[in-house]
Amino acid sequence: MEFLEVITTTDEEETAEKIAKVLLEKRLAGCVQIIGPIMSWYWWKGKIEKAGEYLCLIKTREEIYEEVERAIREVHPYEVPEIVAFPLVRGNHTYLQWLSEETKGK
């Protein structure tokens, strides 16, 4: 079984909490950590922007990634939200077993 850490950023802590709650309630994530505020610098519509944001670190399974992305997009306020995934190449066996069990509903 393959596992992922999916990240997304959003402009408000309340939105980050909403994303976490939706993913957990749908059993699309075993854990969502919210970090912030952070400062993001990025290109947007031809110029450099900066904004305070909250970072969500989402632990899930690779096979349900599409559902995770769809659920995030449904509640995310950005026109083009950052949603990227990284494979978890190794991890504590007990933790990964727990993660698998908590996302079995999908």
PDB file of N, CA and C in Angstrom:
ATOM      1  N   MET A   1       0.847  -1.174   0.000  1.00  0.00           N
ATOM      2  CA  MET A   1       0.000   0.000   0.000  1.00  0.00           C
ATOM      3  C   MET A   1       0.892   1.236   0.000  1.00  0.00           C
ATOM      4  N   GLU A   2       0.544   2.191  -0.852  1.00  0.00           N
ATOM      5  CA  GLU A   2       1.307   3.426  -0.977  1.00  0.00           C
ATOM      6  C   GLU A   2       0.634   4.540  -0.172  1.00  0.00           C
ATOM      7  N   PHE A   3       1.453   5.357   0.468  1.00  0.00           N
ATOM      8  CA  PHE A   3       0.950   6.465   1.278  1.00  0.00           C
ATOM      9  C   PHE A   3       1.489   7.783   0.737  1.00  0.00           C
ATOM     10  N   LEU A   4       0.736   8.865   0.995  1.00  0.00           N
ATOM     11  CA  LEU A   4       1.107  10.197   0.532  1.00  0.00           C
ATOM     12  C   LEU A   4       1.004  11.206   1.663  1.00  0.00           C
ATOM     13  N   GLU A   5       1.779  12.290   1.511  1.00  0.00           N
ATOM     14  CA  GLU A   5       1.518  13.493   2.272  1.00  0.00           C
ATOM     15  C   GLU A   5       1.103  14.532   1.238  1.00  0.00           C
ATOM     16  N   VAL A   6      -0.119  15.021   1.372  1.00  0.00           N
ATOM     17  CA  VAL A   6      -0.665  16.023   0.475  1.00  0.00           C
ATOM     18  C   VAL A   6      -0.581  17.355   1.199  1.00  0.00           C
ATOM     19  N   ILE A   7      -0.172  18.406   0.482  1.00  0.00           N
ATOM     20  CA  ILE A   7      -0.142  19.723   1.113  1.00  0.00           C
ATOM     21  C   ILE A   7      -1.027  20.690   0.344  1.00  0.00           C
ATOM     22  N   THR A   8      -1.604  21.603   1.090  1.00  0.00           N
ATOM     23  CA  THR A   8      -2.346  22.704   0.515  1.00  0.00           C
ATOM     24  C   THR A   8      -2.182  23.895   1.445  1.00  0.00           C
ATOM     25  N   THR A   9      -2.326  25.087   0.900  1.00  0.00           N
ATOM     26  CA  THR A   9      -2.276  26.310   1.701  1.00  0.00           C
ATOM     27  C   THR A   9      -3.569  27.073   1.499  1.00  0.00           C
ATOM     28  N   THR A  10      -3.943  27.843   2.498  1.00  0.00           N
ATOM     29  CA  THR A  10      -5.138  28.665   2.405  1.00  0.00           C
ATOM     30  C   THR A  10      -4.952  29.938   3.216  1.00  0.00           C
ATOM     31  N   ASP A  11      -5.800  30.904   2.976  1.00  0.00           N
ATOM     32  CA  ASP A  11      -5.598  32.234   3.548  1.00  0.00           C
ATOM     33  C   ASP A  11      -6.076  32.388   4.992  1.00  0.00           C
ATOM     34  N   GLU A  12      -6.948  31.519   5.470  1.00  0.00           N
ATOM     35  CA  GLU A  12      -7.482  31.675   6.821  1.00  0.00           C
ATOM     36  C   GLU A  12      -7.399  30.371   7.606  1.00  0.00           C
ATOM     37  N   GLU A  13      -7.150  30.499   8.887  1.00  0.00           N
ATOM     38  CA  GLU A  13      -7.086  29.332   9.761  1.00  0.00           C
ATOM     39  C   GLU A  13      -8.404  28.568   9.740  1.00  0.00           C
ATOM     40  N   GLU A  14      -9.520  29.283   9.706  1.00  0.00           N
ATOM     41  CA  GLU A  14     -10.836  28.639   9.698  1.00  0.00           C
ATOM     42  C   GLU A  14     -11.015  27.767   8.452  1.00  0.00           C
ATOM     43  N   THR A  15     -10.502  28.222   7.324  1.00  0.00           N
ATOM     44  CA  THR A  15     -10.598  27.432   6.096  1.00  0.00           C
ATOM     45  C   THR A  15      -9.726  26.188   6.197  1.00  0.00           C
ATOM     46  N   ALA A  16      -8.538  26.332   6.756  1.00  0.00           N
ATOM     47  CA  ALA A  16      -7.663  25.175   6.955  1.00  0.00           C
ATOM     48  C   ALA A  16      -8.347  24.155   7.861  1.00  0.00           C
ATOM     49  N   GLU A  17      -9.002  24.631   8.915  1.00  0.00           N
ATOM     50  CA  GLU A  17      -9.715  23.731   9.821  1.00  0.00           C
ATOM     51  C   GLU A  17     -10.892  23.056   9.115  1.00  0.00           C
ATOM     52  N   LYS A  18     -11.570  23.777   8.234  1.00  0.00           N
ATOM     53  CA  LYS A  18     -12.686  23.205   7.482  1.00  0.00           C
ATOM     54  C   LYS A  18     -12.179  22.096   6.558  1.00  0.00           C
ATOM     55  N   ILE A  19     -11.066  22.338   5.891  1.00  0.00           N
ATOM     56  CA  ILE A  19     -10.465  21.319   5.024  1.00  0.00           C
ATOM     57  C   ILE A  19     -10.130  20.082   5.840  1.00  0.00           C
ATOM     58  N   ALA A  20      -9.497  20.276   6.997  1.00  0.00           N
ATOM     59  CA  ALA A  20      -9.137  19.150   7.851  1.00  0.00           C
ATOM     60  C   ALA A  20     -10.376  18.365   8.260  1.00  0.00           C
ATOM     61  N   LYS A  21     -11.394  19.061   8.705  1.00  0.00           N
ATOM     62  CA  LYS A  21     -12.608  18.395   9.184  1.00  0.00           C
ATOM     63  C   LYS A  21     -13.290  17.602   8.073  1.00  0.00           C
ATOM     64  N   VAL A  22     -13.411  18.196   6.886  1.00  0.00           N
ATOM     65  CA  VAL A  22     -14.040  17.501   5.758  1.00  0.00           C
ATOM     66  C   VAL A  22     -13.272  16.229   5.415  1.00  0.00           C
ATOM     67  N   LEU A  23     -11.964  16.326   5.317  1.00  0.00           N
ATOM     68  CA  LEU A  23     -11.152  15.158   4.961  1.00  0.00           C
ATOM     69  C   LEU A  23     -11.244  14.061   6.015  1.00  0.00           C
ATOM     70  N   LEU A  24     -11.224  14.444   7.283  1.00  0.00           N
ATOM     71  CA  LEU A  24     -11.310  13.450   8.348  1.00  0.00           C
ATOM     72  C   LEU A  24     -12.697  12.818   8.398  1.00  0.00           C
ATOM     73  N   GLU A  25     -13.742  13.622   8.279  1.00  0.00           N
ATOM     74  CA  GLU A  25     -15.098  13.082   8.320  1.00  0.00           C
ATOM     75  C   GLU A  25     -15.368  12.117   7.175  1.00  0.00           C
ATOM     76  N   LYS A  26     -14.776  12.370   6.013  1.00  0.00           N
ATOM     77  CA  LYS A  26     -14.956  11.493   4.854  1.00  0.00           C
ATOM     78  C   LYS A  26     -13.984  10.314   4.866  1.00  0.00           C
ATOM     79  N   ARG A  27     -13.156  10.236   5.903  1.00  0.00           N
ATOM     80  CA  ARG A  27     -12.135   9.184   6.025  1.00  0.00           C
ATOM     81  C   ARG A  27     -11.158   9.194   4.857  1.00  0.00           C
ATOM     82  N   LEU A  28     -10.878  10.402   4.356  1.00  0.00           N
ATOM     83  CA  LEU A  28      -9.912  10.568   3.281  1.00  0.00           C
ATOM     84  C   LEU A  28      -8.522  10.880   3.820  1.00  0.00           C
ATOM     85  N   ALA A  29      -8.415  11.132   5.102  1.00  0.00           N
ATOM     86  CA  ALA A  29      -7.129  11.405   5.751  1.00  0.00           C
ATOM     87  C   ALA A  29      -7.155  10.781   7.139  1.00  0.00           C
ATOM     88  N   GLY A  30      -6.005  10.358   7.578  1.00  0.00           N
ATOM     89  CA  GLY A  30      -5.873   9.860   8.941  1.00  0.00           C
ATOM     90  C   GLY A  30      -5.457  10.970   9.881  1.00  0.00           C
ATOM     91  N   CYS A  31      -4.812  11.991   9.331  1.00  0.00           N
ATOM     92  CA  CYS A  31      -4.294  13.091  10.135  1.00  0.00           C
ATOM     93  C   CYS A  31      -4.113  14.305   9.239  1.00  0.00           C
ATOM     94  N   VAL A  32      -4.449  15.474   9.766  1.00  0.00           N
ATOM     95  CA  VAL A  32      -4.174  16.738   9.070  1.00  0.00           C
ATOM     96  C   VAL A  32      -3.537  17.671  10.084  1.00  0.00           C
ATOM     97  N   GLN A  33      -2.343  18.116   9.791  1.00  0.00           N
ATOM     98  CA  GLN A  33      -1.663  19.080  10.653  1.00  0.00           C
ATOM     99  C   GLN A  33      -1.765  20.452  10.002  1.00  0.00           C
ATOM    100  N   ILE A  34      -2.045  21.456  10.817  1.00  0.00           N
ATOM    101  CA  ILE A  34      -2.161  22.829  10.324  1.00  0.00           C
ATOM    102  C   ILE A  34      -1.039  23.655  10.932  1.00  0.00           C
ATOM    103  N   ILE A  35      -0.259  24.285  10.059  1.00  0.00           N
ATOM    104  CA  ILE A  35       0.879  25.094  10.490  1.00  0.00           C
ATOM    105  C   ILE A  35       0.637  26.527  10.032  1.00  0.00           C
ATOM    106  N   GLY A  36       0.885  27.462  10.909  1.00  0.00           N
ATOM    107  CA  GLY A  36       0.741  28.837  10.460  1.00  0.00           C
ATOM    108  C   GLY A  36       0.504  29.801  11.595  1.00  0.00           C
ATOM    109  N   PRO A  37       0.498  31.035  11.249  1.00  0.00           N
ATOM    110  CA  PRO A  37       0.601  31.535   9.881  1.00  0.00           C
ATOM    111  C   PRO A  37       2.025  31.447   9.338  1.00  0.00           C
ATOM    112  N   ILE A  38       2.092  31.287   8.031  1.00  0.00           N
ATOM    113  CA  ILE A  38       3.362  31.299   7.302  1.00  0.00           C
ATOM    114  C   ILE A  38       3.282  32.419   6.268  1.00  0.00           C
ATOM    115  N   MET A  39       4.398  32.792   5.694  1.00  0.00           N
ATOM    116  CA  MET A  39       4.414  33.813   4.646  1.00  0.00           C
ATOM    117  C   MET A  39       4.754  33.125   3.332  1.00  0.00           C
ATOM    118  N   SER A  40       3.902  33.290   2.335  1.00  0.00           N
ATOM    119  CA  SER A  40       4.132  32.724   1.009  1.00  0.00           C
ATOM    120  C   SER A  40       4.417  33.848   0.015  1.00  0.00           C
ATOM    121  N   TRP A  41       5.402  33.614  -0.816  1.00  0.00           N
ATOM    122  CA  TRP A  41       5.739  34.518  -1.917  1.00  0.00           C
ATOM    123  C   TRP A  41       5.533  33.722  -3.198  1.00  0.00           C
ATOM    124  N   TYR A  42       4.893  34.333  -4.228  1.00  0.00           N
ATOM    125  CA  TYR A  42       4.570  33.586  -5.433  1.00  0.00           C
ATOM    126  C   TYR A  42       4.253  34.539  -6.592  1.00  0.00           C
ATOM    127  N   TRP A  43       4.334  33.982  -7.792  1.00  0.00           N
ATOM    128  CA  TRP A  43       3.908  34.712  -8.979  1.00  0.00           C
ATOM    129  C   TRP A  43       2.402  34.568  -9.108  1.00  0.00           C
ATOM    130  N   TRP A  44       1.689  35.662  -9.391  1.00  0.00           N
ATOM    131  CA  TRP A  44       0.251  35.618  -9.651  1.00  0.00           C
ATOM    132  C   TRP A  44      -0.099  36.733 -10.626  1.00  0.00           C
ATOM    133  N   LYS A  45      -0.625  36.326 -11.775  1.00  0.00           N
ATOM    134  CA  LYS A  45      -1.077  37.245 -12.809  1.00  0.00           C
ATOM    135  C   LYS A  45      -0.004  38.276 -13.186  1.00  0.00           C
ATOM    136  N   GLY A  46       1.221  37.756 -13.388  1.00  0.00           N
ATOM    137  CA  GLY A  46       2.295  38.581 -13.894  1.00  0.00           C
ATOM    138  C   GLY A  46       3.094  39.374 -12.892  1.00  0.00           C
ATOM    139  N   LYS A  47       2.779  39.231 -11.606  1.00  0.00           N
ATOM    140  CA  LYS A  47       3.597  39.964 -10.625  1.00  0.00           C
ATOM    141  C   LYS A  47       3.832  39.118  -9.375  1.00  0.00           C
ATOM    142  N   ILE A  48       4.849  39.532  -8.637  1.00  0.00           N
ATOM    143  CA  ILE A  48       5.183  38.811  -7.404  1.00  0.00           C
ATOM    144  C   ILE A  48       4.256  39.288  -6.294  1.00  0.00           C
ATOM    145  N   GLU A  49       3.665  38.316  -5.596  1.00  0.00           N
ATOM    146  CA  GLU A  49       2.745  38.591  -4.490  1.00  0.00           C
ATOM    147  C   GLU A  49       3.300  37.955  -3.216  1.00  0.00           C
ATOM    148  N   LYS A  50       2.811  38.417  -2.092  1.00  0.00           N
ATOM    149  CA  LYS A  50       3.096  37.750  -0.826  1.00  0.00           C
ATOM    150  C   LYS A  50       1.805  37.749  -0.017  1.00  0.00           C
ATOM    151  N   ALA A  51       1.651  36.691   0.776  1.00  0.00           N
ATOM    152  CA  ALA A  51       0.418  36.564   1.563  1.00  0.00           C
ATOM    153  C   ALA A  51       0.670  35.689   2.780  1.00  0.00           C
ATOM    154  N   GLY A  52      -0.029  36.000   3.859  1.00  0.00           N
ATOM    155  CA  GLY A  52      -0.036  35.122   5.016  1.00  0.00           C
ATOM    156  C   GLY A  52      -0.959  33.950   4.729  1.00  0.00           C
ATOM    157  N   GLU A  53      -0.504  32.754   5.053  1.00  0.00           N
ATOM    158  CA  GLU A  53      -1.292  31.555   4.770  1.00  0.00           C
ATOM    159  C   GLU A  53      -1.145  30.537   5.897  1.00  0.00           C
ATOM    160  N   TYR A  54      -1.974  29.506   5.808  1.00  0.00           N
ATOM    161  CA  TYR A  54      -1.922  28.354   6.703  1.00  0.00           C
ATOM    162  C   TYR A  54      -1.649  27.130   5.843  1.00  0.00           C
ATOM    163  N   LEU A  55      -0.736  26.298   6.298  1.00  0.00           N
ATOM    164  CA  LEU A  55      -0.299  25.114   5.566  1.00  0.00           C
ATOM    165  C   LEU A  55      -0.944  23.875   6.184  1.00  0.00           C
ATOM    166  N   CYS A  56      -1.589  23.068   5.348  1.00  0.00           N
ATOM    167  CA  CYS A  56      -2.177  21.797   5.795  1.00  0.00           C
ATOM    168  C   CYS A  56      -1.304  20.656   5.294  1.00  0.00           C
ATOM    169  N   LEU A  57      -0.895  19.785   6.205  1.00  0.00           N
ATOM    170  CA  LEU A  57      -0.149  18.575   5.872  1.00  0.00           C
ATOM    171  C   LEU A  57      -1.102  17.404   6.087  1.00  0.00           C
ATOM    172  N   ILE A  58      -1.454  16.726   5.019  1.00  0.00           N
ATOM    173  CA  ILE A  58      -2.517  15.724   5.020  1.00  0.00           C
ATOM    174  C   ILE A  58      -1.911  14.344   4.769  1.00  0.00           C
ATOM    175  N   LYS A  59      -2.143  13.402   5.682  1.00  0.00           N
ATOM    176  CA  LYS A  59      -1.639  12.036   5.520  1.00  0.00           C
ATOM    177  C   LYS A  59      -2.771  11.172   4.978  1.00  0.00           C
ATOM    178  N   THR A  60      -2.483  10.471   3.856  1.00  0.00           N
ATOM    179  CA  THR A  60      -3.525   9.678   3.210  1.00  0.00           C
ATOM    180  C   THR A  60      -2.912   8.529   2.419  1.00  0.00           C
ATOM    181  N   ARG A  61      -3.766   7.828   1.673  1.00  0.00           N
ATOM    182  CA  ARG A  61      -3.325   6.731   0.807  1.00  0.00           C
ATOM    183  C   ARG A  61      -3.344   7.192  -0.645  1.00  0.00           C
ATOM    184  N   GLU A  62      -2.394   6.716  -1.411  1.00  0.00           N
ATOM    185  CA  GLU A  62      -2.262   7.098  -2.819  1.00  0.00           C
ATOM    186  C   GLU A  62      -3.525   6.745  -3.603  1.00  0.00           C
ATOM    187  N   GLU A  63      -4.118   5.625  -3.329  1.00  0.00           N
ATOM    188  CA  GLU A  63      -5.263   5.169  -4.115  1.00  0.00           C
ATOM    189  C   GLU A  63      -6.508   6.040  -3.963  1.00  0.00           C
ATOM    190  N   ILE A  64      -6.555   6.904  -2.953  1.00  0.00           N
ATOM    191  CA  ILE A  64      -7.718   7.783  -2.799  1.00  0.00           C
ATOM    192  C   ILE A  64      -7.363   9.260  -3.042  1.00  0.00           C
ATOM    193  N   TYR A  65      -6.204   9.483  -3.666  1.00  0.00           N
ATOM    194  CA  TYR A  65      -5.765  10.860  -3.901  1.00  0.00           C
ATOM    195  C   TYR A  65      -6.810  11.687  -4.649  1.00  0.00           C
ATOM    196  N   GLU A  66      -7.388  11.146  -5.706  1.00  0.00           N
ATOM    197  CA  GLU A  66      -8.351  11.913  -6.505  1.00  0.00           C
ATOM    198  C   GLU A  66      -9.512  12.401  -5.641  1.00  0.00           C
ATOM    199  N   GLU A  67      -9.989  11.565  -4.728  1.00  0.00           N
ATOM    200  CA  GLU A  67     -11.071  11.962  -3.828  1.00  0.00           C
ATOM    201  C   GLU A  67     -10.611  13.046  -2.852  1.00  0.00           C
ATOM    202  N   VAL A  68      -9.373  12.937  -2.396  1.00  0.00           N
ATOM    203  CA  VAL A  68      -8.798  13.947  -1.500  1.00  0.00           C
ATOM    204  C   VAL A  68      -8.753  15.294  -2.218  1.00  0.00           C
ATOM    205  N   GLU A  69      -8.211  15.304  -3.427  1.00  0.00           N
ATOM    206  CA  GLU A  69      -8.120  16.554  -4.187  1.00  0.00           C
ATOM    207  C   GLU A  69      -9.516  17.151  -4.429  1.00  0.00           C
ATOM    208  N   ARG A  70     -10.461  16.313  -4.820  1.00  0.00           N
ATOM    209  CA  ARG A  70     -11.819  16.788  -5.077  1.00  0.00           C
ATOM    210  C   ARG A  70     -12.437  17.408  -3.825  1.00  0.00           C
ATOM    211  N   ALA A  71     -12.263  16.760  -2.684  1.00  0.00           N
ATOM    212  CA  ALA A  71     -12.815  17.264  -1.422  1.00  0.00           C
ATOM    213  C   ALA A  71     -12.187  18.603  -1.037  1.00  0.00           C
ATOM    214  N   ILE A  72     -10.880  18.746  -1.245  1.00  0.00           N
ATOM    215  CA  ILE A  72     -10.208  20.014  -0.952  1.00  0.00           C
ATOM    216  C   ILE A  72     -10.753  21.110  -1.865  1.00  0.00           C
ATOM    217  N   ARG A  73     -10.856  20.816  -3.164  1.00  0.00           N
ATOM    218  CA  ARG A  73     -11.308  21.818  -4.130  1.00  0.00           C
ATOM    219  C   ARG A  73     -12.734  22.286  -3.844  1.00  0.00           C
ATOM    220  N   GLU A  74     -13.563  21.401  -3.293  1.00  0.00           N
ATOM    221  CA  GLU A  74     -14.951  21.762  -2.990  1.00  0.00           C
ATOM    222  C   GLU A  74     -15.065  22.849  -1.920  1.00  0.00           C
ATOM    223  N   VAL A  75     -14.096  22.919  -1.013  1.00  0.00           N
ATOM    224  CA  VAL A  75     -14.172  23.904   0.076  1.00  0.00           C
ATOM    225  C   VAL A  75     -13.105  24.990  -0.010  1.00  0.00           C
ATOM    226  N   HIS A  76     -12.167  24.840  -0.931  1.00  0.00           N
ATOM    227  CA  HIS A  76     -11.048  25.779  -1.027  1.00  0.00           C
ATOM    228  C   HIS A  76     -11.477  27.063  -1.729  1.00  0.00           C
ATOM    229  N   PRO A  77     -11.142  28.233  -1.172  1.00  0.00           N
ATOM    230  CA  PRO A  77     -11.571  29.494  -1.771  1.00  0.00           C
ATOM    231  C   PRO A  77     -10.705  29.996  -2.937  1.00  0.00           C
ATOM    232  N   TYR A  78      -9.510  29.438  -3.129  1.00  0.00           N
ATOM    233  CA  TYR A  78      -8.605  29.968  -4.153  1.00  0.00           C
ATOM    234  C   TYR A  78      -9.044  29.572  -5.560  1.00  0.00           C
ATOM    235  N   GLU A  79      -8.769  30.461  -6.510  1.00  0.00           N
ATOM    236  CA  GLU A  79      -9.015  30.169  -7.923  1.00  0.00           C
ATOM    237  C   GLU A  79      -8.144  29.008  -8.387  1.00  0.00           C
ATOM    238  N   VAL A  80      -6.878  29.003  -7.952  1.00  0.00           N
ATOM    239  CA  VAL A  80      -5.935  27.940  -8.297  1.00  0.00           C
ATOM    240  C   VAL A  80      -5.249  27.482  -7.008  1.00  0.00           C
ATOM    241  N   PRO A  81      -5.877  26.579  -6.258  1.00  0.00           N
ATOM    242  CA  PRO A  81      -5.263  26.150  -5.000  1.00  0.00           C
ATOM    243  C   PRO A  81      -4.039  25.262  -5.227  1.00  0.00           C
ATOM    244  N   GLU A  82      -3.062  25.454  -4.366  1.00  0.00           N
ATOM    245  CA  GLU A  82      -1.915  24.538  -4.347  1.00  0.00           C
ATOM    246  C   GLU A  82      -2.394  23.248  -3.706  1.00  0.00           C
ATOM    247  N   ILE A  83      -2.335  22.165  -4.466  1.00  0.00           N
ATOM    248  CA  ILE A  83      -2.611  20.829  -3.935  1.00  0.00           C
ATOM    249  C   ILE A  83      -1.566  19.927  -4.562  1.00  0.00           C
ATOM    250  N   VAL A  84      -0.577  19.526  -3.786  1.00  0.00           N
ATOM    251  CA  VAL A  84       0.498  18.674  -4.289  1.00  0.00           C
ATOM    252  C   VAL A  84       0.709  17.518  -3.319  1.00  0.00           C
ATOM    253  N   ALA A  85       1.187  16.411  -3.865  1.00  0.00           N
ATOM    254  CA  ALA A  85       1.369  15.206  -3.049  1.00  0.00           C
ATOM    255  C   ALA A  85       2.791  14.680  -3.178  1.00  0.00           C
ATOM    256  N   PHE A  86       3.274  14.164  -2.072  1.00  0.00           N
ATOM    257  CA  PHE A  86       4.598  13.561  -2.015  1.00  0.00           C
ATOM    258  C   PHE A  86       4.471  12.138  -1.483  1.00  0.00           C
ATOM    259  N   PRO A  87       5.153  11.187  -2.106  1.00  0.00           N
ATOM    260  CA  PRO A  87       5.084   9.814  -1.600  1.00  0.00           C
ATOM    261  C   PRO A  87       5.822   9.692  -0.274  1.00  0.00           C
ATOM    262  N   LEU A  88       5.261   8.897   0.615  1.00  0.00           N
ATOM    263  CA  LEU A  88       5.962   8.557   1.859  1.00  0.00           C
ATOM    264  C   LEU A  88       6.747   7.291   1.557  1.00  0.00           C
ATOM    265  N   VAL A  89       8.049   7.432   1.445  1.00  0.00           N
ATOM    266  CA  VAL A  89       8.869   6.299   1.039  1.00  0.00           C
ATOM    267  C   VAL A  89       9.122   5.312   2.158  1.00  0.00           C
ATOM    268  N   ARG A  90       9.177   5.819   3.349  1.00  0.00           N
ATOM    269  CA  ARG A  90       9.373   4.965   4.527  1.00  0.00           C
ATOM    270  C   ARG A  90       8.620   5.568   5.688  1.00  0.00           C
ATOM    271  N   GLY A  91       8.379   4.732   6.686  1.00  0.00           N
ATOM    272  CA  GLY A  91       7.714   5.243   7.874  1.00  0.00           C
ATOM    273  C   GLY A  91       7.572   4.170   8.937  1.00  0.00           C
ATOM    274  N   ASN A  92       7.250   4.624  10.107  1.00  0.00           N
ATOM    275  CA  ASN A  92       6.990   3.720  11.232  1.00  0.00           C
ATOM    276  C   ASN A  92       5.867   2.768  10.824  1.00  0.00           C
ATOM    277  N   HIS A  93       6.152   1.484  10.826  1.00  0.00           N
ATOM    278  CA  HIS A  93       5.187   0.472  10.388  1.00  0.00           C
ATOM    279  C   HIS A  93       3.862   0.590  11.143  1.00  0.00           C
ATOM    280  N   THR A  94       3.923   0.794  12.443  1.00  0.00           N
ATOM    281  CA  THR A  94       2.715   0.906  13.249  1.00  0.00           C
ATOM    282  C   THR A  94       1.905   2.139  12.843  1.00  0.00           C
ATOM    283  N   TYR A  95       2.578   3.247  12.580  1.00  0.00           N
ATOM    284  CA  TYR A  95       1.892   4.467  12.142  1.00  0.00           C
ATOM    285  C   TYR A  95       1.219   4.244  10.794  1.00  0.00           C
ATOM    286  N   LEU A  96       1.937   3.643   9.840  1.00  0.00           N
ATOM    287  CA  LEU A  96       1.363   3.421   8.523  1.00  0.00           C
ATOM    288  C   LEU A  96       0.199   2.436   8.573  1.00  0.00           C
ATOM    289  N   GLN A  97       0.271   1.455   9.452  1.00  0.00           N
ATOM    290  CA  GLN A  97      -0.845   0.526   9.635  1.00  0.00           C
ATOM    291  C   GLN A  97      -2.061   1.289  10.171  1.00  0.00           C
ATOM    292  N   TRP A  98      -1.826   2.159  11.156  1.00  0.00           N
ATOM    293  CA  TRP A  98      -2.908   2.993  11.706  1.00  0.00           C
ATOM    294  C   TRP A  98      -3.513   3.865  10.604  1.00  0.00           C
ATOM    295  N   LEU A  99      -2.655   4.499   9.774  1.00  0.00           N
ATOM    296  CA  LEU A  99      -3.121   5.357   8.698  1.00  0.00           C
ATOM    297  C   LEU A  99      -3.983   4.574   7.710  1.00  0.00           C
ATOM    298  N   SER A 100      -3.576   3.371   7.404  1.00  0.00           N
ATOM    299  CA  SER A 100      -4.346   2.522   6.516  1.00  0.00           C
ATOM    300  C   SER A 100      -5.725   2.215   7.108  1.00  0.00           C
ATOM    301  N   GLU A 101      -5.751   1.861   8.373  1.00  0.00           N
ATOM    302  CA  GLU A 101      -7.017   1.529   9.038  1.00  0.00           C
ATOM    303  C   GLU A 101      -7.956   2.727   9.120  1.00  0.00           C
ATOM    304  N   GLU A 102      -7.416   3.912   9.359  1.00  0.00           N
ATOM    305  CA  GLU A 102      -8.264   5.101   9.515  1.00  0.00           C
ATOM    306  C   GLU A 102      -8.813   5.616   8.187  1.00  0.00           C
ATOM    307  N   THR A 103      -8.238   5.175   7.070  1.00  0.00           N
ATOM    308  CA  THR A 103      -8.730   5.619   5.770  1.00  0.00           C
ATOM    309  C   THR A 103      -9.389   4.472   5.006  1.00  0.00           C
ATOM    310  N   LYS A 104      -9.742   3.398   5.694  1.00  0.00           N
ATOM    311  CA  LYS A 104     -10.340   2.236   5.028  1.00  0.00           C
ATOM    312  C   LYS A 104     -11.755   2.477   4.539  1.00  0.00           C
ATOM    313  N   GLY A 105     -12.425   3.485   5.085  1.00  0.00           N
ATOM    314  CA  GLY A 105     -13.790   3.741   4.674  1.00  0.00           C
ATOM    315  C   GLY A 105     -13.913   4.070   3.195  1.00  0.00           C
ATOM    316  N   LYS A 106     -12.798   4.305   2.546  1.00  0.00           N
ATOM    317  CA  LYS A 106     -12.839   4.676   1.120  1.00  0.00           C
ATOM    318  C   LYS A 106     -12.189   3.608   0.289  1.00  0.00           C
TER     319      LYS A 106
END
